[in-house]
């Protein structure tokens, strides 16, 4: 099992809203991919003590894949290339962390 934490730092509130629109349009396609266990777009929690560390205009995909092969196929899929082309101008930065259970 492979977990992915893919963070996007967006230019501003308008870019964040556009990123969410584009991402939501792609969710069902990704979730239908072979090997996708879960694929969710999240934002920093705005409640309780977590709110103190919440970052505006930062969105994070939290993903789970059956295998590295499934993840690699996902990253190479045509719909992901189209997604990346659409969101690239909205970002000021990004991070990608891939982890496995111990």
C-alpha atoms as a PDB file:
ATOM      1  CA  UNK A   1       0.000   0.000   0.000  1.00  0.00           C
ATOM      2  CA  UNK A   2       1.234   3.467  -0.946  1.00  0.00           C
ATOM      3  CA  UNK A   3       0.093   6.729   0.640  1.00  0.00           C
ATOM      4  CA  UNK A   4       0.556  10.091  -1.069  1.00  0.00           C
ATOM      5  CA  UNK A   5       0.371  13.545   0.473  1.00  0.00           C
ATOM      6  CA  UNK A   6       0.452  16.073  -2.372  1.00  0.00           C
ATOM      7  CA  UNK A   7       0.274  19.684  -1.285  1.00  0.00           C
ATOM      8  CA  UNK A   8      -0.465  22.681  -3.510  1.00  0.00           C
ATOM      9  CA  UNK A   9       0.219  26.231  -2.413  1.00  0.00           C
ATOM     10  CA  UNK A  10      -2.103  28.499  -4.406  1.00  0.00           C
ATOM     11  CA  UNK A  11      -1.551  32.123  -5.432  1.00  0.00           C
ATOM     12  CA  UNK A  12      -4.648  33.557  -3.765  1.00  0.00           C
ATOM     13  CA  UNK A  13      -8.268  32.855  -2.863  1.00  0.00           C
ATOM     14  CA  UNK A  14      -9.430  33.014  -6.495  1.00  0.00           C
ATOM     15  CA  UNK A  15      -6.738  30.498  -7.526  1.00  0.00           C
ATOM     16  CA  UNK A  16      -7.769  28.258  -4.633  1.00  0.00           C
ATOM     17  CA  UNK A  17     -11.413  28.310  -5.732  1.00  0.00           C
ATOM     18  CA  UNK A  18     -10.427  27.527  -9.339  1.00  0.00           C
ATOM     19  CA  UNK A  19      -8.121  24.691  -8.209  1.00  0.00           C
ATOM     20  CA  UNK A  20     -10.979  23.162  -6.198  1.00  0.00           C
ATOM     21  CA  UNK A  21     -13.308  23.380  -9.218  1.00  0.00           C
ATOM     22  CA  UNK A  22     -10.763  21.689 -11.507  1.00  0.00           C
ATOM     23  CA  UNK A  23      -9.867  19.035  -8.924  1.00  0.00           C
ATOM     24  CA  UNK A  24     -13.481  18.130  -8.149  1.00  0.00           C
ATOM     25  CA  UNK A  25     -14.143  17.633 -11.866  1.00  0.00           C
ATOM     26  CA  UNK A  26     -11.300  15.068 -11.901  1.00  0.00           C
ATOM     27  CA  UNK A  27     -12.120  13.161  -8.678  1.00  0.00           C
ATOM     28  CA  UNK A  28     -14.435  10.511 -10.111  1.00  0.00           C
ATOM     29  CA  UNK A  29     -12.020   9.705 -12.943  1.00  0.00           C
ATOM     30  CA  UNK A  30      -9.121   9.221 -10.536  1.00  0.00           C
ATOM     31  CA  UNK A  31     -11.175   7.206  -8.057  1.00  0.00           C
ATOM     32  CA  UNK A  32     -12.138   4.843 -10.907  1.00  0.00           C
ATOM     33  CA  UNK A  33      -8.498   4.135 -11.757  1.00  0.00           C
ATOM     34  CA  UNK A  34      -7.250   0.608 -11.170  1.00  0.00           C
ATOM     35  CA  UNK A  35      -5.443   0.478  -7.844  1.00  0.00           C
ATOM     36  CA  UNK A  36      -6.973   3.614  -6.314  1.00  0.00           C
ATOM     37  CA  UNK A  37      -8.089   2.902  -2.758  1.00  0.00           C
ATOM     38  CA  UNK A  38      -8.880   6.513  -1.849  1.00  0.00           C
ATOM     39  CA  UNK A  39      -8.286   9.969  -3.290  1.00  0.00           C
ATOM     40  CA  UNK A  40      -9.412  13.067  -1.393  1.00  0.00           C
ATOM     41  CA  UNK A  41      -8.827  16.793  -1.647  1.00  0.00           C
ATOM     42  CA  UNK A  42      -8.441  18.435   1.756  1.00  0.00           C
ATOM     43  CA  UNK A  43      -7.692  21.793   3.343  1.00  0.00           C
ATOM     44  CA  UNK A  44      -6.094  22.633   6.665  1.00  0.00           C
ATOM     45  CA  UNK A  45      -8.534  22.181   9.538  1.00  0.00           C
ATOM     46  CA  UNK A  46     -10.106  25.445  10.670  1.00  0.00           C
ATOM     47  CA  UNK A  47     -11.508  24.111  13.976  1.00  0.00           C
ATOM     48  CA  UNK A  48     -10.270  24.025  17.542  1.00  0.00           C
ATOM     49  CA  UNK A  49      -6.564  24.150  18.269  1.00  0.00           C
ATOM     50  CA  UNK A  50      -5.761  23.071  14.685  1.00  0.00           C
ATOM     51  CA  UNK A  51      -7.036  26.422  13.401  1.00  0.00           C
ATOM     52  CA  UNK A  52      -3.956  28.187  14.783  1.00  0.00           C
ATOM     53  CA  UNK A  53      -1.788  26.343  12.242  1.00  0.00           C
ATOM     54  CA  UNK A  54      -4.225  26.507   9.314  1.00  0.00           C
ATOM     55  CA  UNK A  55      -2.699  27.889   6.142  1.00  0.00           C
ATOM     56  CA  UNK A  56      -4.884  29.846   3.719  1.00  0.00           C
ATOM     57  CA  UNK A  57      -4.709  28.864   0.061  1.00  0.00           C
ATOM     58  CA  UNK A  58      -3.089  25.485   0.715  1.00  0.00           C
ATOM     59  CA  UNK A  59      -4.857  22.334  -0.504  1.00  0.00           C
ATOM     60  CA  UNK A  60      -3.683  18.769   0.008  1.00  0.00           C
ATOM     61  CA  UNK A  61      -4.522  15.560  -1.813  1.00  0.00           C
ATOM     62  CA  UNK A  62      -4.454  12.594   0.560  1.00  0.00           C
ATOM     63  CA  UNK A  63      -4.300   9.420  -1.511  1.00  0.00           C
ATOM     64  CA  UNK A  64      -3.989   5.675  -1.033  1.00  0.00           C
ATOM     65  CA  UNK A  65      -2.895   3.317  -3.827  1.00  0.00           C
ATOM     66  CA  UNK A  66      -2.620  -0.469  -3.933  1.00  0.00           C
ATOM     67  CA  UNK A  67       0.950  -0.361  -5.257  1.00  0.00           C
ATOM     68  CA  UNK A  68       3.701   1.849  -6.623  1.00  0.00           C
ATOM     69  CA  UNK A  69       2.779   0.600 -10.090  1.00  0.00           C
ATOM     70  CA  UNK A  70      -0.789   1.863  -9.631  1.00  0.00           C
ATOM     71  CA  UNK A  71       0.531   5.241  -8.479  1.00  0.00           C
ATOM     72  CA  UNK A  72       2.922   5.478 -11.430  1.00  0.00           C
ATOM     73  CA  UNK A  73       0.087   4.634 -13.834  1.00  0.00           C
ATOM     74  CA  UNK A  74      -2.013   7.353 -12.192  1.00  0.00           C
ATOM     75  CA  UNK A  75       0.724   9.952 -12.544  1.00  0.00           C
ATOM     76  CA  UNK A  76       1.182   9.043 -16.229  1.00  0.00           C
ATOM     77  CA  UNK A  77      -2.541   9.053 -17.088  1.00  0.00           C
ATOM     78  CA  UNK A  78      -3.667  11.542 -19.762  1.00  0.00           C
ATOM     79  CA  UNK A  79      -6.295  13.064 -17.448  1.00  0.00           C
ATOM     80  CA  UNK A  80      -3.567  13.804 -14.892  1.00  0.00           C
ATOM     81  CA  UNK A  81      -1.413  15.545 -17.498  1.00  0.00           C
ATOM     82  CA  UNK A  82      -4.446  17.663 -18.424  1.00  0.00           C
ATOM     83  CA  UNK A  83      -5.094  18.356 -14.718  1.00  0.00           C
ATOM     84  CA  UNK A  84      -1.483  19.422 -14.130  1.00  0.00           C
ATOM     85  CA  UNK A  85      -1.550  21.728 -17.159  1.00  0.00           C
ATOM     86  CA  UNK A  86      -4.685  23.437 -15.832  1.00  0.00           C
ATOM     87  CA  UNK A  87      -3.508  23.923 -12.234  1.00  0.00           C
ATOM     88  CA  UNK A  88       0.153  24.810 -12.849  1.00  0.00           C
ATOM     89  CA  UNK A  89      -0.533  28.556 -13.330  1.00  0.00           C
ATOM     90  CA  UNK A  90      -2.590  28.649 -10.107  1.00  0.00           C
ATOM     91  CA  UNK A  91       0.258  27.474  -7.866  1.00  0.00           C
ATOM     92  CA  UNK A  92       3.162  29.195  -6.191  1.00  0.00           C
ATOM     93  CA  UNK A  93       4.548  25.906  -4.909  1.00  0.00           C
ATOM     94  CA  UNK A  94       3.922  22.220  -4.291  1.00  0.00           C
ATOM     95  CA  UNK A  95       5.239  19.295  -2.265  1.00  0.00           C
ATOM     96  CA  UNK A  96       4.890  15.565  -2.742  1.00  0.00           C
ATOM     97  CA  UNK A  97       5.416  12.941  -0.058  1.00  0.00           C
ATOM     98  CA  UNK A  98       5.073   9.217  -0.766  1.00  0.00           C
ATOM     99  CA  UNK A  99       5.033   6.874   2.236  1.00  0.00           C
ATOM    100  CA  UNK A 100       4.351   3.233   3.060  1.00  0.00           C
ATOM    101  CA  UNK A 101       3.183   1.598   6.281  1.00  0.00           C
ATOM    102  CA  UNK A 102       5.773   0.080   8.618  1.00  0.00           C
END
